[in-house]
């Protein structure tokens, strides 16, 4: 059983939550499945809307799927969450990603 299958087997169980969904989203994104990663990362944020790492990865997944406006939105929201929590490094990283995305031409805008 691979990592994605192992994580999926835990969905709906007692360990289901923001961390499990984030981990599954990260594994899916790494495997090239940005669309399913987005689903899992959004679910992670339903469990914990203050999970700045999930906002950061959601932005990356949206960008990888070609949805620059959604990536920009995720990073803007993630920056606000990170700043409110004092997560300076995550906010800084998302600002860099945000600036790059805002400069990138996108046909979906």
N, C-alpha and C. Protein backbone atom coordinates (compact mmCIF):
# COMPACT_ATOMS: atom_id res chain seq x y z
N UNK A 1 0.85 -1.18 0.00
CA UNK A 1 0.00 0.00 0.00
C UNK A 1 0.89 1.25 0.00
N UNK A 2 0.63 2.16 -0.91
CA UNK A 2 1.46 3.36 -0.97
C UNK A 2 0.96 4.42 0.03
N UNK A 3 1.68 5.50 0.12
CA UNK A 3 1.37 6.54 1.12
C UNK A 3 -0.03 7.12 0.93
N UNK A 4 -0.41 7.39 -0.31
CA UNK A 4 -1.73 7.95 -0.58
C UNK A 4 -2.81 6.98 -0.13
N UNK A 5 -2.67 5.71 -0.47
CA UNK A 5 -3.65 4.70 -0.07
C UNK A 5 -3.72 4.59 1.46
N UNK A 6 -2.58 4.63 2.11
CA UNK A 6 -2.53 4.55 3.57
C UNK A 6 -3.29 5.72 4.20
N UNK A 7 -3.06 6.92 3.67
CA UNK A 7 -3.74 8.09 4.20
C UNK A 7 -5.25 8.03 3.91
N UNK A 8 -5.61 7.63 2.70
CA UNK A 8 -7.03 7.53 2.34
C UNK A 8 -7.76 6.52 3.23
N UNK A 9 -7.07 5.46 3.63
CA UNK A 9 -7.68 4.44 4.48
C UNK A 9 -8.10 5.01 5.84
N UNK A 10 -7.49 6.12 6.24
CA UNK A 10 -7.79 6.72 7.54
C UNK A 10 -8.92 7.75 7.49
N UNK A 11 -9.35 8.12 6.27
CA UNK A 11 -10.40 9.13 6.14
C UNK A 11 -11.69 8.64 6.79
N UNK A 12 -12.34 9.54 7.50
CA UNK A 12 -13.60 9.20 8.15
C UNK A 12 -13.44 8.51 9.49
N UNK A 13 -12.21 8.20 9.84
CA UNK A 13 -11.95 7.53 11.11
C UNK A 13 -11.64 8.52 12.23
N UNK A 14 -11.18 8.01 13.32
CA UNK A 14 -10.90 8.85 14.49
C UNK A 14 -9.73 9.81 14.27
N UNK A 15 -8.87 9.50 13.31
CA UNK A 15 -7.71 10.36 13.04
C UNK A 15 -7.98 11.38 11.94
N UNK A 16 -9.19 11.35 11.37
CA UNK A 16 -9.53 12.28 10.30
C UNK A 16 -9.57 13.70 10.86
N UNK A 17 -8.90 14.59 10.17
CA UNK A 17 -8.85 15.98 10.62
C UNK A 17 -7.95 16.78 9.71
N UNK A 18 -7.62 17.97 10.16
CA UNK A 18 -6.83 18.89 9.34
C UNK A 18 -5.47 18.30 8.95
N UNK A 19 -4.77 17.70 9.90
CA UNK A 19 -3.43 17.16 9.61
C UNK A 19 -3.49 16.02 8.61
N UNK A 20 -4.43 15.10 8.78
CA UNK A 20 -4.56 13.98 7.84
C UNK A 20 -4.89 14.49 6.44
N UNK A 21 -5.84 15.42 6.35
CA UNK A 21 -6.23 15.95 5.04
C UNK A 21 -5.09 16.75 4.40
N UNK A 22 -4.35 17.50 5.23
CA UNK A 22 -3.17 18.22 4.72
C UNK A 22 -2.14 17.23 4.19
N UNK A 23 -1.86 16.19 4.94
CA UNK A 23 -0.87 15.18 4.54
C UNK A 23 -1.29 14.50 3.25
N UNK A 24 -2.57 14.18 3.12
CA UNK A 24 -3.06 13.56 1.90
C UNK A 24 -2.97 14.54 0.73
N UNK A 25 -3.34 15.79 0.97
CA UNK A 25 -3.24 16.81 -0.07
C UNK A 25 -1.80 16.98 -0.54
N UNK A 26 -0.87 16.99 0.39
CA UNK A 26 0.55 17.13 0.04
C UNK A 26 1.03 15.94 -0.78
N UNK A 27 0.63 14.74 -0.39
CA UNK A 27 1.04 13.53 -1.11
C UNK A 27 0.44 13.52 -2.52
N UNK A 28 -0.81 13.94 -2.64
CA UNK A 28 -1.46 13.99 -3.95
C UNK A 28 -0.80 15.02 -4.86
N UNK A 29 -0.48 16.17 -4.29
CA UNK A 29 0.18 17.22 -5.08
C UNK A 29 1.55 16.74 -5.56
N UNK A 30 2.27 16.10 -4.68
CA UNK A 30 3.59 15.55 -5.03
C UNK A 30 3.46 14.50 -6.14
N UNK A 31 2.35 13.76 -6.14
CA UNK A 31 2.11 12.73 -7.16
C UNK A 31 1.56 13.31 -8.46
N UNK A 32 1.31 14.62 -8.47
CA UNK A 32 0.85 15.27 -9.68
C UNK A 32 -0.66 15.40 -9.81
N UNK A 33 -1.40 15.07 -8.76
CA UNK A 33 -2.86 15.15 -8.81
C UNK A 33 -3.31 16.42 -8.07
N UNK A 34 -3.13 17.57 -8.75
CA UNK A 34 -3.45 18.86 -8.13
C UNK A 34 -4.94 18.99 -7.84
N UNK A 35 -5.79 18.48 -8.72
CA UNK A 35 -7.24 18.61 -8.53
C UNK A 35 -7.70 17.93 -7.25
N UNK A 36 -7.25 16.71 -7.02
CA UNK A 36 -7.65 16.00 -5.78
C UNK A 36 -6.94 16.60 -4.57
N UNK A 37 -5.74 17.10 -4.76
CA UNK A 37 -5.04 17.78 -3.65
C UNK A 37 -5.85 18.98 -3.18
N UNK A 38 -6.40 19.73 -4.13
CA UNK A 38 -7.21 20.90 -3.78
C UNK A 38 -8.41 20.49 -2.93
N UNK A 39 -9.07 19.40 -3.31
CA UNK A 39 -10.22 18.91 -2.55
C UNK A 39 -9.80 18.61 -1.11
N UNK A 40 -8.70 17.89 -0.95
CA UNK A 40 -8.26 17.50 0.39
C UNK A 40 -7.78 18.70 1.21
N UNK A 41 -7.12 19.64 0.57
CA UNK A 41 -6.63 20.82 1.30
C UNK A 41 -7.79 21.72 1.71
N UNK A 42 -8.79 21.83 0.88
CA UNK A 42 -9.99 22.60 1.27
C UNK A 42 -10.70 21.92 2.45
N UNK A 43 -10.71 20.60 2.44
CA UNK A 43 -11.31 19.87 3.56
C UNK A 43 -10.48 20.08 4.83
N UNK A 44 -9.17 20.10 4.71
CA UNK A 44 -8.31 20.39 5.87
C UNK A 44 -8.67 21.74 6.45
N UNK A 45 -8.92 22.72 5.59
CA UNK A 45 -9.25 24.06 6.04
C UNK A 45 -10.65 24.14 6.63
N UNK A 46 -11.54 23.22 6.24
CA UNK A 46 -12.85 23.14 6.90
C UNK A 46 -12.67 22.68 8.34
N UNK A 47 -11.73 21.77 8.56
CA UNK A 47 -11.43 21.32 9.92
C UNK A 47 -10.75 22.43 10.73
N UNK A 48 -9.84 23.18 10.09
CA UNK A 48 -9.08 24.22 10.80
C UNK A 48 -8.74 25.34 9.83
N UNK A 49 -9.55 26.39 9.83
CA UNK A 49 -9.35 27.51 8.91
C UNK A 49 -8.10 28.33 9.25
N UNK A 50 -7.49 28.08 10.39
CA UNK A 50 -6.28 28.80 10.80
C UNK A 50 -5.00 28.02 10.52
N UNK A 51 -5.07 27.03 9.67
CA UNK A 51 -3.92 26.17 9.34
C UNK A 51 -3.16 26.83 8.19
N UNK A 52 -2.20 27.68 8.53
CA UNK A 52 -1.50 28.47 7.52
C UNK A 52 -0.75 27.61 6.50
N UNK A 53 -0.21 26.49 6.92
CA UNK A 53 0.50 25.61 5.97
C UNK A 53 -0.47 25.06 4.92
N UNK A 54 -1.70 24.81 5.31
CA UNK A 54 -2.70 24.32 4.35
C UNK A 54 -3.06 25.41 3.34
N UNK A 55 -3.15 26.66 3.79
CA UNK A 55 -3.40 27.76 2.86
C UNK A 55 -2.25 27.87 1.86
N UNK A 56 -1.03 27.75 2.36
CA UNK A 56 0.14 27.87 1.49
C UNK A 56 0.14 26.77 0.43
N UNK A 57 -0.11 25.54 0.84
CA UNK A 57 -0.11 24.42 -0.10
C UNK A 57 -1.32 24.47 -1.03
N UNK A 58 -2.46 24.94 -0.53
CA UNK A 58 -3.63 25.11 -1.39
C UNK A 58 -3.31 26.07 -2.53
N UNK A 59 -2.64 27.16 -2.22
CA UNK A 59 -2.24 28.10 -3.27
C UNK A 59 -1.36 27.44 -4.31
N UNK A 60 -0.40 26.64 -3.85
CA UNK A 60 0.48 25.93 -4.80
C UNK A 60 -0.32 24.96 -5.66
N UNK A 61 -1.26 24.25 -5.06
CA UNK A 61 -2.07 23.29 -5.82
C UNK A 61 -2.93 24.00 -6.85
N UNK A 62 -3.52 25.12 -6.45
CA UNK A 62 -4.34 25.89 -7.40
C UNK A 62 -3.50 26.39 -8.56
N UNK A 63 -2.32 26.89 -8.24
CA UNK A 63 -1.43 27.38 -9.30
C UNK A 63 -1.04 26.24 -10.23
N UNK A 64 -0.70 25.09 -9.66
CA UNK A 64 -0.31 23.93 -10.46
C UNK A 64 -1.47 23.48 -11.36
N UNK A 65 -2.70 23.65 -10.90
CA UNK A 65 -3.86 23.24 -11.70
C UNK A 65 -4.23 24.29 -12.74
N UNK A 66 -3.52 25.43 -12.72
CA UNK A 66 -3.78 26.48 -13.70
C UNK A 66 -4.76 27.54 -13.26
N UNK A 67 -5.17 27.51 -12.00
CA UNK A 67 -6.15 28.48 -11.50
C UNK A 67 -5.43 29.54 -10.66
N UNK A 68 -4.80 30.48 -11.35
CA UNK A 68 -4.05 31.54 -10.67
C UNK A 68 -4.92 32.39 -9.75
N UNK A 69 -6.13 32.78 -10.15
CA UNK A 69 -6.96 33.57 -9.22
C UNK A 69 -7.25 32.85 -7.90
N UNK A 70 -7.49 31.54 -7.96
CA UNK A 70 -7.73 30.77 -6.74
C UNK A 70 -6.46 30.70 -5.89
N UNK A 71 -5.30 30.58 -6.55
CA UNK A 71 -4.03 30.56 -5.82
C UNK A 71 -3.82 31.89 -5.10
N UNK A 72 -4.08 32.98 -5.81
CA UNK A 72 -3.92 34.31 -5.21
C UNK A 72 -4.84 34.46 -4.01
N UNK A 73 -6.09 34.02 -4.15
CA UNK A 73 -7.04 34.10 -3.04
C UNK A 73 -6.57 33.27 -1.85
N UNK A 74 -6.09 32.05 -2.11
CA UNK A 74 -5.62 31.19 -1.02
C UNK A 74 -4.45 31.84 -0.28
N UNK A 75 -3.51 32.39 -1.03
CA UNK A 75 -2.35 33.01 -0.38
C UNK A 75 -2.73 34.28 0.37
N UNK A 76 -3.65 35.06 -0.17
CA UNK A 76 -4.09 36.26 0.55
C UNK A 76 -4.74 35.87 1.87
N UNK A 77 -5.59 34.87 1.83
CA UNK A 77 -6.24 34.41 3.06
C UNK A 77 -5.22 33.78 4.01
N UNK A 78 -4.29 33.03 3.44
CA UNK A 78 -3.26 32.40 4.25
C UNK A 78 -2.35 33.41 4.93
N UNK A 79 -2.02 34.49 4.24
CA UNK A 79 -1.19 35.54 4.84
C UNK A 79 -1.91 36.15 6.04
N UNK A 80 -3.20 36.42 5.89
CA UNK A 80 -3.97 36.99 7.00
C UNK A 80 -3.98 36.04 8.20
N UNK A 81 -4.17 34.75 7.94
CA UNK A 81 -4.17 33.75 9.02
C UNK A 81 -2.79 33.68 9.67
N UNK A 82 -1.75 33.60 8.85
CA UNK A 82 -0.39 33.48 9.38
C UNK A 82 -0.02 34.70 10.22
N UNK A 83 -0.36 35.88 9.75
CA UNK A 83 -0.05 37.10 10.51
C UNK A 83 -0.81 37.12 11.83
N UNK A 84 -2.06 36.70 11.82
CA UNK A 84 -2.86 36.68 13.05
C UNK A 84 -2.28 35.69 14.07
N UNK A 85 -1.68 34.63 13.58
CA UNK A 85 -1.11 33.61 14.47
C UNK A 85 0.36 33.87 14.81
N UNK A 86 0.94 34.87 14.20
CA UNK A 86 2.35 35.15 14.44
C UNK A 86 3.28 34.23 13.68
N UNK A 87 2.78 33.58 12.64
CA UNK A 87 3.58 32.66 11.82
C UNK A 87 4.28 33.47 10.73
N UNK A 88 5.34 34.16 11.13
CA UNK A 88 6.03 35.11 10.27
C UNK A 88 6.61 34.46 9.02
N UNK A 89 7.22 33.31 9.17
CA UNK A 89 7.87 32.65 8.03
C UNK A 89 6.85 32.24 6.98
N UNK A 90 5.73 31.67 7.40
CA UNK A 90 4.70 31.25 6.43
C UNK A 90 4.14 32.47 5.70
N UNK A 91 3.91 33.55 6.40
CA UNK A 91 3.40 34.77 5.77
C UNK A 91 4.40 35.30 4.76
N UNK A 92 5.67 35.27 5.12
CA UNK A 92 6.72 35.75 4.22
C UNK A 92 6.76 34.91 2.94
N UNK A 93 6.72 33.60 3.09
CA UNK A 93 6.76 32.71 1.93
C UNK A 93 5.55 32.94 1.02
N UNK A 94 4.37 33.07 1.63
CA UNK A 94 3.17 33.27 0.81
C UNK A 94 3.19 34.62 0.11
N UNK A 95 3.79 35.62 0.72
CA UNK A 95 3.91 36.92 0.04
C UNK A 95 4.77 36.80 -1.22
N UNK A 96 5.83 36.02 -1.14
CA UNK A 96 6.69 35.79 -2.31
C UNK A 96 5.90 35.08 -3.40
N UNK A 97 5.18 34.01 -3.03
CA UNK A 97 4.37 33.28 -4.01
C UNK A 97 3.31 34.19 -4.62
N UNK A 98 2.69 35.01 -3.77
CA UNK A 98 1.63 35.92 -4.21
C UNK A 98 2.16 36.92 -5.23
N UNK A 99 3.31 37.51 -4.95
CA UNK A 99 3.89 38.48 -5.89
C UNK A 99 4.18 37.83 -7.24
N UNK A 100 4.72 36.62 -7.22
CA UNK A 100 5.01 35.91 -8.47
C UNK A 100 3.72 35.63 -9.24
N UNK A 101 2.70 35.18 -8.54
CA UNK A 101 1.43 34.84 -9.19
C UNK A 101 0.75 36.07 -9.76
N UNK A 102 0.85 37.19 -9.07
CA UNK A 102 0.22 38.41 -9.54
C UNK A 102 0.89 38.95 -10.80
N UNK A 103 2.16 38.64 -10.98
CA UNK A 103 2.89 39.06 -12.18
C UNK A 103 2.67 38.12 -13.36
N UNK A 104 2.29 36.90 -13.07
CA UNK A 104 2.16 35.87 -14.11
C UNK A 104 0.89 36.10 -14.92
N UNK A 105 1.01 36.15 -16.25
CA UNK A 105 -0.20 36.26 -17.07
C UNK A 105 -1.02 34.98 -16.95
N UNK A 106 -2.33 35.14 -16.91
CA UNK A 106 -3.19 33.97 -16.74
C UNK A 106 -4.44 34.13 -17.59
N UNK A 107 -4.73 33.14 -18.37
CA UNK A 107 -5.88 33.20 -19.27
C UNK A 107 -7.20 33.02 -18.54
N UNK A 108 -7.19 32.60 -17.27
CA UNK A 108 -8.43 32.35 -16.56
C UNK A 108 -8.96 33.58 -15.86
N UNK A 109 -8.23 34.68 -15.87
CA UNK A 109 -8.69 35.91 -15.18
C UNK A 109 -9.74 36.59 -15.99
